[in-house]
Amino acid sequence: MVDEHGAPDAFKNRCTNAACTLESCISYFIERISLDESNEDRKENTLDVWLRKGPWKPDVVVSLSNLYSVHPWGTRTGPHLY
């Protein structure tokens, strides 16, 4: 699916595309998480998640950008992305 950023369903389409792409990684485990924070422009913040299955499968890196807020160690359990 290709969408226009201004289209009403653009976010839904991007989420659907990501879910379809990552479906093959369901049995992978998180090997590493990296947060690159920009103090000048928070839209340049990126969160990279490395997924690994083993030597017989390729590693996968999920890179999230244009984040508004990241709370990896909040008072609740697990990371919180807003």
PDB file of N, CA and C in Angstrom:
ATOM      1  N   MET A   1       0.840  -1.186   0.000  1.00  0.00           N
ATOM      2  CA  MET A   1       0.000   0.000   0.000  1.00  0.00           C
ATOM      3  C   MET A   1       0.879   1.243   0.000  1.00  0.00           C
ATOM      4  N   VAL A   2       0.494   2.194  -0.780  1.00  0.00           N
ATOM      5  CA  VAL A   2       1.178   3.481  -0.806  1.00  0.00           C
ATOM      6  C   VAL A   2       0.145   4.523  -0.405  1.00  0.00           C
ATOM      7  N   ASP A   3       0.555   5.471   0.418  1.00  0.00           N
ATOM      8  CA  ASP A   3      -0.416   6.470   0.858  1.00  0.00           C
ATOM      9  C   ASP A   3       0.178   7.863   0.780  1.00  0.00           C
ATOM     10  N   GLU A   4      -0.688   8.826   0.752  1.00  0.00           N
ATOM     11  CA  GLU A   4      -0.303  10.233   0.828  1.00  0.00           C
ATOM     12  C   GLU A   4      -0.294  10.599   2.312  1.00  0.00           C
ATOM     13  N   HIS A   5       0.729  11.353   2.750  1.00  0.00           N
ATOM     14  CA  HIS A   5       0.827  11.692   4.169  1.00  0.00           C
ATOM     15  C   HIS A   5      -0.387  12.460   4.675  1.00  0.00           C
ATOM     16  N   GLY A   6      -1.037  13.232   3.822  1.00  0.00           N
ATOM     17  CA  GLY A   6      -2.181  14.015   4.259  1.00  0.00           C
ATOM     18  C   GLY A   6      -3.494  13.250   4.227  1.00  0.00           C
ATOM     19  N   ALA A   7      -3.492  12.045   3.681  1.00  0.00           N
ATOM     20  CA  ALA A   7      -4.730  11.269   3.568  1.00  0.00           C
ATOM     21  C   ALA A   7      -5.212  10.853   4.956  1.00  0.00           C
ATOM     22  N   PRO A   8      -6.535  10.790   5.139  1.00  0.00           N
ATOM     23  CA  PRO A   8      -7.085  10.426   6.451  1.00  0.00           C
ATOM     24  C   PRO A   8      -6.639   9.043   6.925  1.00  0.00           C
ATOM     25  N   ASP A   9      -6.437   8.100   6.016  1.00  0.00           N
ATOM     26  CA  ASP A   9      -6.060   6.743   6.409  1.00  0.00           C
ATOM     27  C   ASP A   9      -4.554   6.485   6.299  1.00  0.00           C
ATOM     28  N   ALA A  10      -3.748   7.539   6.131  1.00  0.00           N
ATOM     29  CA  ALA A  10      -2.310   7.367   5.932  1.00  0.00           C
ATOM     30  C   ALA A  10      -1.667   6.640   7.114  1.00  0.00           C
ATOM     31  N   PHE A  11      -1.975   7.043   8.338  1.00  0.00           N
ATOM     32  CA  PHE A  11      -1.387   6.411   9.519  1.00  0.00           C
ATOM     33  C   PHE A  11      -1.815   4.952   9.615  1.00  0.00           C
ATOM     34  N   LYS A  12      -3.077   4.685   9.365  1.00  0.00           N
ATOM     35  CA  LYS A  12      -3.595   3.315   9.399  1.00  0.00           C
ATOM     36  C   LYS A  12      -2.876   2.455   8.357  1.00  0.00           C
ATOM     37  N   ASN A  13      -2.667   2.991   7.164  1.00  0.00           N
ATOM     38  CA  ASN A  13      -1.975   2.244   6.109  1.00  0.00           C
ATOM     39  C   ASN A  13      -0.532   1.942   6.499  1.00  0.00           C
ATOM     40  N   ARG A  14       0.159   2.917   7.082  1.00  0.00           N
ATOM     41  CA  ARG A  14       1.541   2.692   7.494  1.00  0.00           C
ATOM     42  C   ARG A  14       1.624   1.631   8.590  1.00  0.00           C
ATOM     43  N   CYS A  15       0.693   1.660   9.522  1.00  0.00           N
ATOM     44  CA  CYS A  15       0.676   0.650  10.586  1.00  0.00           C
ATOM     45  C   CYS A  15       0.387  -0.741  10.015  1.00  0.00           C
ATOM     46  N   THR A  16      -0.542  -0.823   9.076  1.00  0.00           N
ATOM     47  CA  THR A  16      -0.864  -2.097   8.438  1.00  0.00           C
ATOM     48  C   THR A  16       0.340  -2.629   7.675  1.00  0.00           C
ATOM     49  N   ASN A  17       1.030  -1.756   6.940  1.00  0.00           N
ATOM     50  CA  ASN A  17       2.236  -2.164   6.207  1.00  0.00           C
ATOM     51  C   ASN A  17       3.300  -2.685   7.158  1.00  0.00           C
ATOM     52  N   ALA A  18       3.511  -1.986   8.267  1.00  0.00           N
ATOM     53  CA  ALA A  18       4.519  -2.407   9.245  1.00  0.00           C
ATOM     54  C   ALA A  18       4.149  -3.757   9.849  1.00  0.00           C
ATOM     55  N   ALA A  19       2.893  -3.953  10.185  1.00  0.00           N
ATOM     56  CA  ALA A  19       2.448  -5.226  10.770  1.00  0.00           C
ATOM     57  C   ALA A  19       2.667  -6.376   9.796  1.00  0.00           C
ATOM     58  N   CYS A  20       2.356  -6.165   8.524  1.00  0.00           N
ATOM     59  CA  CYS A  20       2.556  -7.211   7.512  1.00  0.00           C
ATOM     60  C   CYS A  20       4.034  -7.524   7.332  1.00  0.00           C
ATOM     61  N   THR A  21       4.862  -6.505   7.331  1.00  0.00           N
ATOM     62  CA  THR A  21       6.303  -6.684   7.145  1.00  0.00           C
ATOM     63  C   THR A  21       6.923  -7.403   8.332  1.00  0.00           C
ATOM     64  N   LEU A  22       6.518  -7.043   9.539  1.00  0.00           N
ATOM     65  CA  LEU A  22       7.130  -7.608  10.748  1.00  0.00           C
ATOM     66  C   LEU A  22       6.530  -8.943  11.173  1.00  0.00           C
ATOM     67  N   GLU A  23       5.476  -9.383  10.505  1.00  0.00           N
ATOM     68  CA  GLU A  23       4.821 -10.640  10.876  1.00  0.00           C
ATOM     69  C   GLU A  23       5.798 -11.823  10.837  1.00  0.00           C
ATOM     70  N   SER A  24       6.741 -11.789   9.902  1.00  0.00           N
ATOM     71  CA  SER A  24       7.709 -12.888   9.799  1.00  0.00           C
ATOM     72  C   SER A  24       8.715 -12.884  10.949  1.00  0.00           C
ATOM     73  N   CYS A  25       8.746 -11.833  11.756  1.00  0.00           N
ATOM     74  CA  CYS A  25       9.703 -11.723  12.875  1.00  0.00           C
ATOM     75  C   CYS A  25       9.071 -12.087  14.206  1.00  0.00           C
ATOM     76  N   ILE A  26       7.926 -12.721  14.192  1.00  0.00           N
ATOM     77  CA  ILE A  26       7.181 -12.958  15.429  1.00  0.00           C
ATOM     78  C   ILE A  26       7.957 -13.814  16.437  1.00  0.00           C
ATOM     79  N   SER A  27       8.833 -14.699  15.987  1.00  0.00           N
ATOM     80  CA  SER A  27       9.579 -15.546  16.928  1.00  0.00           C
ATOM     81  C   SER A  27      10.981 -15.014  17.211  1.00  0.00           C
ATOM     82  N   TYR A  28      11.312 -13.834  16.719  1.00  0.00           N
ATOM     83  CA  TYR A  28      12.609 -13.213  16.991  1.00  0.00           C
ATOM     84  C   TYR A  28      12.626 -12.660  18.421  1.00  0.00           C
ATOM     85  N   PHE A  29      13.802 -12.416  18.964  1.00  0.00           N
ATOM     86  CA  PHE A  29      13.895 -11.774  20.272  1.00  0.00           C
ATOM     87  C   PHE A  29      14.626 -10.444  20.115  1.00  0.00           C
ATOM     88  N   ILE A  30      14.415  -9.549  21.048  1.00  0.00           N
ATOM     89  CA  ILE A  30      15.070  -8.238  21.017  1.00  0.00           C
ATOM     90  C   ILE A  30      16.494  -8.412  21.509  1.00  0.00           C
ATOM     91  N   GLU A  31      17.432  -8.089  20.645  1.00  0.00           N
ATOM     92  CA  GLU A  31      18.842  -8.192  21.000  1.00  0.00           C
ATOM     93  C   GLU A  31      19.361  -6.890  21.591  1.00  0.00           C
ATOM     94  N   ARG A  32      18.903  -5.760  21.034  1.00  0.00           N
ATOM     95  CA  ARG A  32      19.431  -4.458  21.475  1.00  0.00           C
ATOM     96  C   ARG A  32      18.425  -3.368  21.122  1.00  0.00           C
ATOM     97  N   ILE A  33      18.407  -2.315  21.931  1.00  0.00           N
ATOM     98  CA  ILE A  33      17.596  -1.124  21.684  1.00  0.00           C
ATOM     99  C   ILE A  33      18.510   0.085  21.804  1.00  0.00           C
ATOM    100  N   SER A  34      18.404   0.991  20.843  1.00  0.00           N
ATOM    101  CA  SER A  34      19.256   2.180  20.836  1.00  0.00           C
ATOM    102  C   SER A  34      18.397   3.418  20.609  1.00  0.00           C
ATOM    103  N   LEU A  35      18.596   4.425  21.451  1.00  0.00           N
ATOM    104  CA  LEU A  35      17.882   5.689  21.320  1.00  0.00           C
ATOM    105  C   LEU A  35      18.883   6.780  20.974  1.00  0.00           C
ATOM    106  N   ASP A  36      18.663   7.451  19.852  1.00  0.00           N
ATOM    107  CA  ASP A  36      19.508   8.578  19.444  1.00  0.00           C
ATOM    108  C   ASP A  36      18.663   9.834  19.589  1.00  0.00           C
ATOM    109  N   GLU A  37      18.979  10.616  20.624  1.00  0.00           N
ATOM    110  CA  GLU A  37      18.196  11.805  20.945  1.00  0.00           C
ATOM    111  C   GLU A  37      18.856  13.067  20.422  1.00  0.00           C
ATOM    112  N   SER A  38      18.060  13.882  19.748  1.00  0.00           N
ATOM    113  CA  SER A  38      18.541  15.171  19.272  1.00  0.00           C
ATOM    114  C   SER A  38      18.042  16.245  20.217  1.00  0.00           C
ATOM    115  N   ASN A  39      18.949  17.028  20.776  1.00  0.00           N
ATOM    116  CA  ASN A  39      18.549  18.098  21.684  1.00  0.00           C
ATOM    117  C   ASN A  39      18.013  19.303  20.924  1.00  0.00           C
ATOM    118  N   GLU A  40      18.335  19.404  19.643  1.00  0.00           N
ATOM    119  CA  GLU A  40      17.913  20.554  18.852  1.00  0.00           C
ATOM    120  C   GLU A  40      16.509  20.388  18.279  1.00  0.00           C
ATOM    121  N   ASP A  41      16.209  19.218  17.758  1.00  0.00           N
ATOM    122  CA  ASP A  41      14.915  18.984  17.123  1.00  0.00           C
ATOM    123  C   ASP A  41      14.439  17.595  17.485  1.00  0.00           C
ATOM    124  N   ARG A  42      13.413  17.503  18.306  1.00  0.00           N
ATOM    125  CA  ARG A  42      12.962  16.193  18.767  1.00  0.00           C
ATOM    126  C   ARG A  42      12.425  15.322  17.642  1.00  0.00           C
ATOM    127  N   LYS A  43      12.076  15.925  16.492  1.00  0.00           N
ATOM    128  CA  LYS A  43      11.624  15.134  15.358  1.00  0.00           C
ATOM    129  C   LYS A  43      12.752  14.304  14.758  1.00  0.00           C
ATOM    130  N   GLU A  44      14.002  14.626  15.101  1.00  0.00           N
ATOM    131  CA  GLU A  44      15.145  13.864  14.613  1.00  0.00           C
ATOM    132  C   GLU A  44      15.511  12.705  15.544  1.00  0.00           C
ATOM    133  N   ASN A  45      14.775  12.530  16.633  1.00  0.00           N
ATOM    134  CA  ASN A  45      15.014  11.415  17.542  1.00  0.00           C
ATOM    135  C   ASN A  45      14.700  10.099  16.826  1.00  0.00           C
ATOM    136  N   THR A  46      15.539   9.084  17.047  1.00  0.00           N
ATOM    137  CA  THR A  46      15.282   7.770  16.464  1.00  0.00           C
ATOM    138  C   THR A  46      15.440   6.696  17.529  1.00  0.00           C
ATOM    139  N   LEU A  47      14.633   5.684  17.415  1.00  0.00           N
ATOM    140  CA  LEU A  47      14.702   4.525  18.288  1.00  0.00           C
ATOM    141  C   LEU A  47      14.893   3.310  17.384  1.00  0.00           C
ATOM    142  N   ASP A  48      16.014   2.605  17.558  1.00  0.00           N
ATOM    143  CA  ASP A  48      16.307   1.418  16.758  1.00  0.00           C
ATOM    144  C   ASP A  48      16.187   0.187  17.640  1.00  0.00           C
ATOM    145  N   VAL A  49      15.511  -0.835  17.116  1.00  0.00           N
ATOM    146  CA  VAL A  49      15.333  -2.099  17.828  1.00  0.00           C
ATOM    147  C   VAL A  49      15.899  -3.206  16.947  1.00  0.00           C
ATOM    148  N   TRP A  50      16.924  -3.906  17.449  1.00  0.00           N
ATOM    149  CA  TRP A  50      17.537  -5.008  16.717  1.00  0.00           C
ATOM    150  C   TRP A  50      16.855  -6.300  17.134  1.00  0.00           C
ATOM    151  N   LEU A  51      16.363  -7.048  16.151  1.00  0.00           N
ATOM    152  CA  LEU A  51      15.710  -8.334  16.384  1.00  0.00           C
ATOM    153  C   LEU A  51      16.606  -9.447  15.851  1.00  0.00           C
ATOM    154  N   ARG A  52      16.652 -10.556  16.587  1.00  0.00           N
ATOM    155  CA  ARG A  52      17.528 -11.666  16.189  1.00  0.00           C
ATOM    156  C   ARG A  52      16.818 -12.994  16.394  1.00  0.00           C
ATOM    157  N   LYS A  53      17.013 -13.890  15.451  1.00  0.00           N
ATOM    158  CA  LYS A  53      16.460 -15.242  15.555  1.00  0.00           C
ATOM    159  C   LYS A  53      17.577 -16.249  15.796  1.00  0.00           C
ATOM    160  N   GLY A  54      18.680 -16.067  15.121  1.00  0.00           N
ATOM    161  CA  GLY A  54      19.821 -16.969  15.235  1.00  0.00           C
ATOM    162  C   GLY A  54      20.675 -16.858  13.990  1.00  0.00           C
ATOM    163  N   PRO A  55      21.738 -17.638  13.916  1.00  0.00           N
ATOM    164  CA  PRO A  55      22.658 -17.511  12.782  1.00  0.00           C
ATOM    165  C   PRO A  55      22.060 -17.947  11.445  1.00  0.00           C
ATOM    166  N   TRP A  56      20.984 -18.692  11.464  1.00  0.00           N
ATOM    167  CA  TRP A  56      20.378 -19.189  10.227  1.00  0.00           C
ATOM    168  C   TRP A  56      19.339 -18.224   9.642  1.00  0.00           C
ATOM    169  N   LYS A  57      19.005 -17.173  10.358  1.00  0.00           N
ATOM    170  CA  LYS A  57      18.046 -16.167   9.882  1.00  0.00           C
ATOM    171  C   LYS A  57      18.703 -14.792   9.905  1.00  0.00           C
ATOM    172  N   PRO A  58      18.344 -13.915   8.972  1.00  0.00           N
ATOM    173  CA  PRO A  58      18.942 -12.567   8.999  1.00  0.00           C
ATOM    174  C   PRO A  58      18.413 -11.748  10.174  1.00  0.00           C
ATOM    175  N   ASP A  59      19.275 -10.898  10.725  1.00  0.00           N
ATOM    176  CA  ASP A  59      18.848  -9.970  11.769  1.00  0.00           C
ATOM    177  C   ASP A  59      17.969  -8.896  11.136  1.00  0.00           C
ATOM    178  N   VAL A  60      17.114  -8.294  11.944  1.00  0.00           N
ATOM    179  CA  VAL A  60      16.201  -7.253  11.485  1.00  0.00           C
ATOM    180  C   VAL A  60      16.372  -6.046  12.395  1.00  0.00           C
ATOM    181  N   VAL A  61      16.405  -4.852  11.811  1.00  0.00           N
ATOM    182  CA  VAL A  61      16.450  -3.619  12.596  1.00  0.00           C
ATOM    183  C   VAL A  61      15.183  -2.825  12.286  1.00  0.00           C
ATOM    184  N   VAL A  62      14.437  -2.508  13.333  1.00  0.00           N
ATOM    185  CA  VAL A  62      13.254  -1.659  13.212  1.00  0.00           C
ATOM    186  C   VAL A  62      13.667  -0.278  13.680  1.00  0.00           C
ATOM    187  N   SER A  63      13.534   0.709  12.816  1.00  0.00           N
ATOM    188  CA  SER A  63      13.964   2.067  13.133  1.00  0.00           C
ATOM    189  C   SER A  63      12.742   2.986  13.135  1.00  0.00           C
ATOM    190  N   LEU A  64      12.503   3.607  14.271  1.00  0.00           N
ATOM    191  CA  LEU A  64      11.378   4.531  14.420  1.00  0.00           C
ATOM    192  C   LEU A  64      11.932   5.949  14.504  1.00  0.00           C
ATOM    193  N   SER A  65      11.334   6.861  13.758  1.00  0.00           N
ATOM    194  CA  SER A  65      11.794   8.249  13.783  1.00  0.00           C
ATOM    195  C   SER A  65      10.604   9.184  13.933  1.00  0.00           C
ATOM    196  N   ASN A  66      10.911  10.459  14.077  1.00  0.00           N
ATOM    197  CA  ASN A  66       9.874  11.483  14.248  1.00  0.00           C
ATOM    198  C   ASN A  66       9.031  11.192  15.494  1.00  0.00           C
ATOM    199  N   LEU A  67       9.707  10.783  16.560  1.00  0.00           N
ATOM    200  CA  LEU A  67       9.022  10.445  17.814  1.00  0.00           C
ATOM    201  C   LEU A  67       8.784  11.700  18.639  1.00  0.00           C
ATOM    202  N   TYR A  68       7.650  11.764  19.275  1.00  0.00           N
ATOM    203  CA  TYR A  68       7.347  12.897  20.141  1.00  0.00           C
ATOM    204  C   TYR A  68       7.925  12.695  21.529  1.00  0.00           C
ATOM    205  N   SER A  69       7.880  11.455  22.000  1.00  0.00           N
ATOM    206  CA  SER A  69       8.351  11.184  23.345  1.00  0.00           C
ATOM    207  C   SER A  69       8.695   9.705  23.462  1.00  0.00           C
ATOM    208  N   VAL A  70       9.747   9.391  24.205  1.00  0.00           N
ATOM    209  CA  VAL A  70      10.133   8.007  24.471  1.00  0.00           C
ATOM    210  C   VAL A  70      10.402   7.899  25.961  1.00  0.00           C
ATOM    211  N   HIS A  71       9.759   6.957  26.607  1.00  0.00           N
ATOM    212  CA  HIS A  71       9.941   6.710  28.031  1.00  0.00           C
ATOM    213  C   HIS A  71      10.291   5.245  28.219  1.00  0.00           C
ATOM    214  N   PRO A  72      11.552   4.845  27.963  1.00  0.00           N
ATOM    215  CA  PRO A  72      11.892   3.420  28.009  1.00  0.00           C
ATOM    216  C   PRO A  72      11.847   2.800  29.396  1.00  0.00           C
ATOM    217  N   TRP A  73      12.064   3.564  30.437  1.00  0.00           N
ATOM    218  CA  TRP A  73      12.053   3.006  31.782  1.00  0.00           C
ATOM    219  C   TRP A  73      11.149   3.829  32.676  1.00  0.00           C
ATOM    220  N   GLY A  74       9.881   3.851  32.339  1.00  0.00           N
ATOM    221  CA  GLY A  74       8.906   4.602  33.116  1.00  0.00           C
ATOM    222  C   GLY A  74       8.509   3.846  34.370  1.00  0.00           C
ATOM    223  N   THR A  75       7.566   4.375  35.088  1.00  0.00           N
ATOM    224  CA  THR A  75       7.106   3.728  36.311  1.00  0.00           C
ATOM    225  C   THR A  75       6.280   2.488  36.005  1.00  0.00           C
ATOM    226  N   ARG A  76       5.709   2.433  34.783  1.00  0.00           N
ATOM    227  CA  ARG A  76       4.978   1.236  34.370  1.00  0.00           C
ATOM    228  C   ARG A  76       5.985   0.232  33.809  1.00  0.00           C
ATOM    229  N   THR A  77       5.546  -0.993  33.568  1.00  0.00           N
ATOM    230  CA  THR A  77       6.460  -2.003  33.013  1.00  0.00           C
ATOM    231  C   THR A  77       6.587  -1.807  31.512  1.00  0.00           C
ATOM    232  N   GLY A  78       7.795  -1.953  31.009  1.00  0.00           N
ATOM    233  CA  GLY A  78       8.051  -1.888  29.575  1.00  0.00           C
ATOM    234  C   GLY A  78       8.192  -0.480  29.061  1.00  0.00           C
ATOM    235  N   PRO A  79       8.667  -0.354  27.792  1.00  0.00           N
ATOM    236  CA  PRO A  79       8.857   0.971  27.187  1.00  0.00           C
ATOM    237  C   PRO A  79       7.531   1.612  26.817  1.00  0.00           C
ATOM    238  N   HIS A  80       7.511   2.931  26.824  1.00  0.00           N
ATOM    239  CA  HIS A  80       6.312   3.690  26.482  1.00  0.00           C
ATOM    240  C   HIS A  80       6.670   4.683  25.388  1.00  0.00           C
ATOM    241  N   LEU A  81       6.052   4.541  24.234  1.00  0.00           N
ATOM    242  CA  LEU A  81       6.264   5.472  23.119  1.00  0.00           C
ATOM    243  C   LEU A  81       5.004   6.275  22.920  1.00  0.00           C
ATOM    244  N   TYR A  82       5.155   7.560  22.777  1.00  0.00           N
ATOM    245  CA  TYR A  82       3.993   8.433  22.571  1.00  0.00           C
ATOM    246  C   TYR A  82       4.192   9.225  21.304  1.00  0.00           C
TER     247      TYR A  82
END
